[in-house]
Amino acid sequence: MTTLLIRIDDEVKGRLNRLARIEGKTTSAVVRELIEERIKERDIGAYVDDLWGRIGGKMKSKGVTPAAIEKAIKASRKKAG
């Protein structure tokens, strides 16, 4: 882990400190969470990876196998071509 220094207004810092206390967290923990959430919102690659992970999990839970997926892809390509 590394340290990040930022400058914020005193009022914003006070509000952030109060919010952190209410949530039972440190100010650093709240800032880390905010940064992580922002990255997740803006990082399309991570979003796509997460989406594929969720889709894969749902398909696996329904008993769909990789072989069945390959078969469906081939059939779809055959129809399109």
N, C-alpha and C. Protein backbone atom coordinates (compact mmCIF):
# COMPACT_ATOMS: atom_id res chain seq x y z
N MET A 1 0.85 -1.17 0.00
CA MET A 1 0.00 0.00 0.00
C MET A 1 0.90 1.23 0.00
N THR A 2 0.42 2.31 -0.60
CA THR A 2 1.19 3.54 -0.69
C THR A 2 0.37 4.70 -0.14
N THR A 3 1.01 5.81 0.05
CA THR A 3 0.36 7.00 0.59
C THR A 3 0.06 7.97 -0.53
N LEU A 4 -1.11 8.60 -0.46
CA LEU A 4 -1.53 9.61 -1.42
C LEU A 4 -1.90 10.87 -0.65
N LEU A 5 -1.26 11.96 -0.98
CA LEU A 5 -1.56 13.23 -0.33
C LEU A 5 -2.48 14.04 -1.23
N ILE A 6 -3.57 14.56 -0.66
CA ILE A 6 -4.48 15.39 -1.43
C ILE A 6 -4.82 16.64 -0.63
N ARG A 7 -5.25 17.67 -1.33
CA ARG A 7 -5.67 18.90 -0.67
C ARG A 7 -7.17 19.05 -0.86
N ILE A 8 -7.87 19.28 0.27
CA ILE A 8 -9.31 19.54 0.21
C ILE A 8 -9.64 20.68 1.16
N ASP A 9 -10.78 21.31 0.93
CA ASP A 9 -11.24 22.39 1.79
C ASP A 9 -11.48 21.88 3.20
N ASP A 10 -11.27 22.76 4.17
CA ASP A 10 -11.49 22.39 5.57
C ASP A 10 -12.93 21.92 5.80
N GLU A 11 -13.88 22.58 5.18
CA GLU A 11 -15.29 22.20 5.36
C GLU A 11 -15.55 20.79 4.83
N VAL A 12 -15.00 20.49 3.67
CA VAL A 12 -15.17 19.17 3.07
C VAL A 12 -14.51 18.11 3.95
N LYS A 13 -13.34 18.43 4.47
CA LYS A 13 -12.64 17.49 5.35
C LYS A 13 -13.46 17.21 6.60
N GLY A 14 -14.04 18.25 7.17
CA GLY A 14 -14.86 18.07 8.36
C GLY A 14 -16.08 17.20 8.09
N ARG A 15 -16.72 17.44 6.97
CA ARG A 15 -17.89 16.63 6.60
C ARG A 15 -17.50 15.19 6.34
N LEU A 16 -16.35 15.00 5.70
CA LEU A 16 -15.86 13.65 5.43
C LEU A 16 -15.54 12.93 6.75
N ASN A 17 -14.90 13.62 7.66
CA ASN A 17 -14.58 13.02 8.97
C ASN A 17 -15.85 12.61 9.71
N ARG A 18 -16.87 13.47 9.69
CA ARG A 18 -18.14 13.15 10.36
C ARG A 18 -18.81 11.93 9.71
N LEU A 19 -18.81 11.90 8.40
CA LEU A 19 -19.39 10.77 7.68
C LEU A 19 -18.67 9.47 8.05
N ALA A 20 -17.36 9.52 8.06
CA ALA A 20 -16.56 8.34 8.40
C ALA A 20 -16.90 7.85 9.81
N ARG A 21 -16.97 8.79 10.77
CA ARG A 21 -17.30 8.40 12.15
C ARG A 21 -18.67 7.76 12.23
N ILE A 22 -19.65 8.33 11.53
CA ILE A 22 -21.01 7.79 11.52
C ILE A 22 -21.02 6.36 11.00
N GLU A 23 -20.20 6.11 9.99
CA GLU A 23 -20.12 4.78 9.38
C GLU A 23 -19.19 3.84 10.14
N GLY A 24 -18.53 4.36 11.17
CA GLY A 24 -17.62 3.53 11.95
C GLY A 24 -16.34 3.18 11.21
N LYS A 25 -15.92 4.09 10.33
CA LYS A 25 -14.74 3.85 9.51
C LYS A 25 -13.74 4.98 9.72
N THR A 26 -12.53 4.75 9.24
CA THR A 26 -11.56 5.84 9.23
C THR A 26 -11.80 6.69 7.99
N THR A 27 -11.31 7.92 8.02
CA THR A 27 -11.41 8.78 6.85
C THR A 27 -10.68 8.14 5.67
N SER A 28 -9.55 7.56 5.93
CA SER A 28 -8.78 6.89 4.87
C SER A 28 -9.58 5.76 4.22
N ALA A 29 -10.30 4.99 5.03
CA ALA A 29 -11.10 3.89 4.49
C ALA A 29 -12.20 4.43 3.58
N VAL A 30 -12.84 5.51 3.99
CA VAL A 30 -13.91 6.10 3.17
C VAL A 30 -13.33 6.61 1.85
N VAL A 31 -12.19 7.28 1.90
CA VAL A 31 -11.57 7.80 0.69
C VAL A 31 -11.16 6.66 -0.23
N ARG A 32 -10.60 5.59 0.34
CA ARG A 32 -10.23 4.42 -0.49
C ARG A 32 -11.46 3.84 -1.19
N GLU A 33 -12.57 3.71 -0.43
CA GLU A 33 -13.80 3.18 -1.02
C GLU A 33 -14.30 4.08 -2.15
N LEU A 34 -14.26 5.38 -1.94
CA LEU A 34 -14.71 6.31 -2.98
C LEU A 34 -13.86 6.20 -4.24
N ILE A 35 -12.56 6.09 -4.06
CA ILE A 35 -11.66 5.97 -5.22
C ILE A 35 -11.92 4.65 -5.94
N GLU A 36 -12.06 3.56 -5.19
CA GLU A 36 -12.32 2.26 -5.81
C GLU A 36 -13.64 2.27 -6.58
N GLU A 37 -14.68 2.87 -6.00
CA GLU A 37 -15.98 2.97 -6.68
C GLU A 37 -15.86 3.77 -7.97
N ARG A 38 -15.14 4.86 -7.92
CA ARG A 38 -14.95 5.71 -9.10
C ARG A 38 -14.22 4.95 -10.21
N ILE A 39 -13.20 4.22 -9.84
CA ILE A 39 -12.46 3.43 -10.83
C ILE A 39 -13.37 2.38 -11.44
N LYS A 40 -14.15 1.70 -10.63
CA LYS A 40 -15.07 0.68 -11.14
C LYS A 40 -16.08 1.29 -12.11
N GLU A 41 -16.57 2.49 -11.79
CA GLU A 41 -17.54 3.17 -12.66
C GLU A 41 -16.93 3.54 -14.01
N ARG A 42 -15.67 3.92 -14.01
CA ARG A 42 -15.03 4.46 -15.21
C ARG A 42 -14.17 3.47 -15.98
N ASP A 43 -13.82 2.34 -15.37
CA ASP A 43 -12.93 1.37 -16.01
C ASP A 43 -13.76 0.36 -16.79
N ILE A 44 -13.93 0.60 -18.09
CA ILE A 44 -14.78 -0.25 -18.92
C ILE A 44 -14.25 -1.68 -18.99
N GLY A 45 -12.94 -1.84 -18.98
CA GLY A 45 -12.37 -3.19 -19.01
C GLY A 45 -12.79 -4.00 -17.81
N ALA A 46 -12.71 -3.40 -16.63
CA ALA A 46 -13.11 -4.09 -15.41
C ALA A 46 -14.61 -4.38 -15.43
N TYR A 47 -15.38 -3.43 -15.99
CA TYR A 47 -16.83 -3.62 -16.08
C TYR A 47 -17.14 -4.83 -16.97
N VAL A 48 -16.49 -4.91 -18.12
CA VAL A 48 -16.72 -6.02 -19.04
C VAL A 48 -16.30 -7.34 -18.39
N ASP A 49 -15.14 -7.35 -17.71
CA ASP A 49 -14.70 -8.56 -17.02
C ASP A 49 -15.70 -9.00 -15.98
N ASP A 50 -16.21 -8.04 -15.21
CA ASP A 50 -17.21 -8.35 -14.19
C ASP A 50 -18.49 -8.89 -14.83
N LEU A 51 -18.90 -8.26 -15.92
CA LEU A 51 -20.10 -8.71 -16.63
C LEU A 51 -19.95 -10.14 -17.12
N TRP A 52 -18.81 -10.44 -17.75
CA TRP A 52 -18.57 -11.81 -18.22
C TRP A 52 -18.54 -12.78 -17.04
N GLY A 53 -17.98 -12.35 -15.94
CA GLY A 53 -17.95 -13.21 -14.75
C GLY A 53 -19.35 -13.53 -14.25
N ARG A 54 -20.20 -12.51 -14.22
CA ARG A 54 -21.59 -12.72 -13.77
C ARG A 54 -22.36 -13.60 -14.75
N ILE A 55 -22.18 -13.33 -16.05
CA ILE A 55 -22.86 -14.15 -17.06
C ILE A 55 -22.40 -15.60 -16.96
N GLY A 56 -21.08 -15.77 -16.86
CA GLY A 56 -20.53 -17.12 -16.75
C GLY A 56 -21.04 -17.86 -15.53
N GLY A 57 -21.14 -17.15 -14.41
CA GLY A 57 -21.65 -17.75 -13.18
C GLY A 57 -23.10 -18.20 -13.32
N LYS A 58 -23.91 -17.36 -13.95
CA LYS A 58 -25.32 -17.71 -14.16
C LYS A 58 -25.45 -18.90 -15.10
N MET A 59 -24.65 -18.90 -16.17
CA MET A 59 -24.72 -20.01 -17.12
C MET A 59 -24.28 -21.31 -16.47
N LYS A 60 -23.21 -21.23 -15.69
CA LYS A 60 -22.71 -22.42 -15.00
C LYS A 60 -23.75 -22.97 -14.02
N SER A 61 -24.42 -22.04 -13.30
CA SER A 61 -25.42 -22.48 -12.33
C SER A 61 -26.63 -23.13 -13.01
N LYS A 62 -26.83 -22.83 -14.28
CA LYS A 62 -27.94 -23.43 -15.03
C LYS A 62 -27.50 -24.67 -15.82
N GLY A 63 -26.23 -25.07 -15.64
CA GLY A 63 -25.74 -26.28 -16.25
C GLY A 63 -25.25 -26.13 -17.68
N VAL A 64 -25.05 -24.90 -18.13
CA VAL A 64 -24.55 -24.67 -19.48
C VAL A 64 -23.05 -24.94 -19.49
N THR A 65 -22.61 -25.77 -20.42
CA THR A 65 -21.20 -26.14 -20.49
C THR A 65 -20.48 -25.34 -21.57
N PRO A 66 -19.15 -25.26 -21.50
CA PRO A 66 -18.40 -24.59 -22.57
C PRO A 66 -18.67 -25.22 -23.94
N ALA A 67 -18.85 -26.54 -23.98
CA ALA A 67 -19.14 -27.21 -25.25
C ALA A 67 -20.48 -26.74 -25.83
N ALA A 68 -21.46 -26.55 -24.97
CA ALA A 68 -22.77 -26.07 -25.44
C ALA A 68 -22.67 -24.65 -25.97
N ILE A 69 -21.84 -23.84 -25.34
CA ILE A 69 -21.64 -22.46 -25.80
C ILE A 69 -20.97 -22.47 -27.17
N GLU A 70 -19.93 -23.28 -27.34
CA GLU A 70 -19.26 -23.39 -28.63
C GLU A 70 -20.22 -23.82 -29.72
N LYS A 71 -21.06 -24.80 -29.40
CA LYS A 71 -22.04 -25.30 -30.36
C LYS A 71 -23.01 -24.19 -30.77
N ALA A 72 -23.48 -23.40 -29.81
CA ALA A 72 -24.40 -22.30 -30.10
C ALA A 72 -23.74 -21.23 -30.95
N ILE A 73 -22.48 -20.94 -30.67
CA ILE A 73 -21.74 -19.94 -31.46
C ILE A 73 -21.59 -20.42 -32.90
N LYS A 74 -21.21 -21.67 -33.07
CA LYS A 74 -21.05 -22.22 -34.42
C LYS A 74 -22.37 -22.20 -35.19
N ALA A 75 -23.45 -22.57 -34.53
CA ALA A 75 -24.77 -22.57 -35.18
C ALA A 75 -25.17 -21.16 -35.58
N SER A 76 -24.90 -20.21 -34.70
CA SER A 76 -25.24 -18.81 -34.99
C SER A 76 -24.45 -18.28 -36.17
N ARG A 77 -23.17 -18.60 -36.22
CA ARG A 77 -22.32 -18.17 -37.32
C ARG A 77 -22.74 -18.81 -38.65
N LYS A 78 -23.16 -20.05 -38.55
CA LYS A 78 -23.60 -20.77 -39.75
C LYS A 78 -24.86 -20.10 -40.33
N LYS A 79 -25.80 -19.71 -39.46
CA LYS A 79 -27.02 -19.04 -39.89
C LYS A 79 -26.72 -17.68 -40.50
N ALA A 80 -25.78 -16.97 -39.89
CA ALA A 80 -25.45 -15.60 -40.35
C ALA A 80 -24.70 -15.65 -41.68
N GLY A 81 -23.93 -16.67 -41.90
CA GLY A 81 -23.08 -16.73 -43.10
C GLY A 81 -23.77 -17.30 -44.26
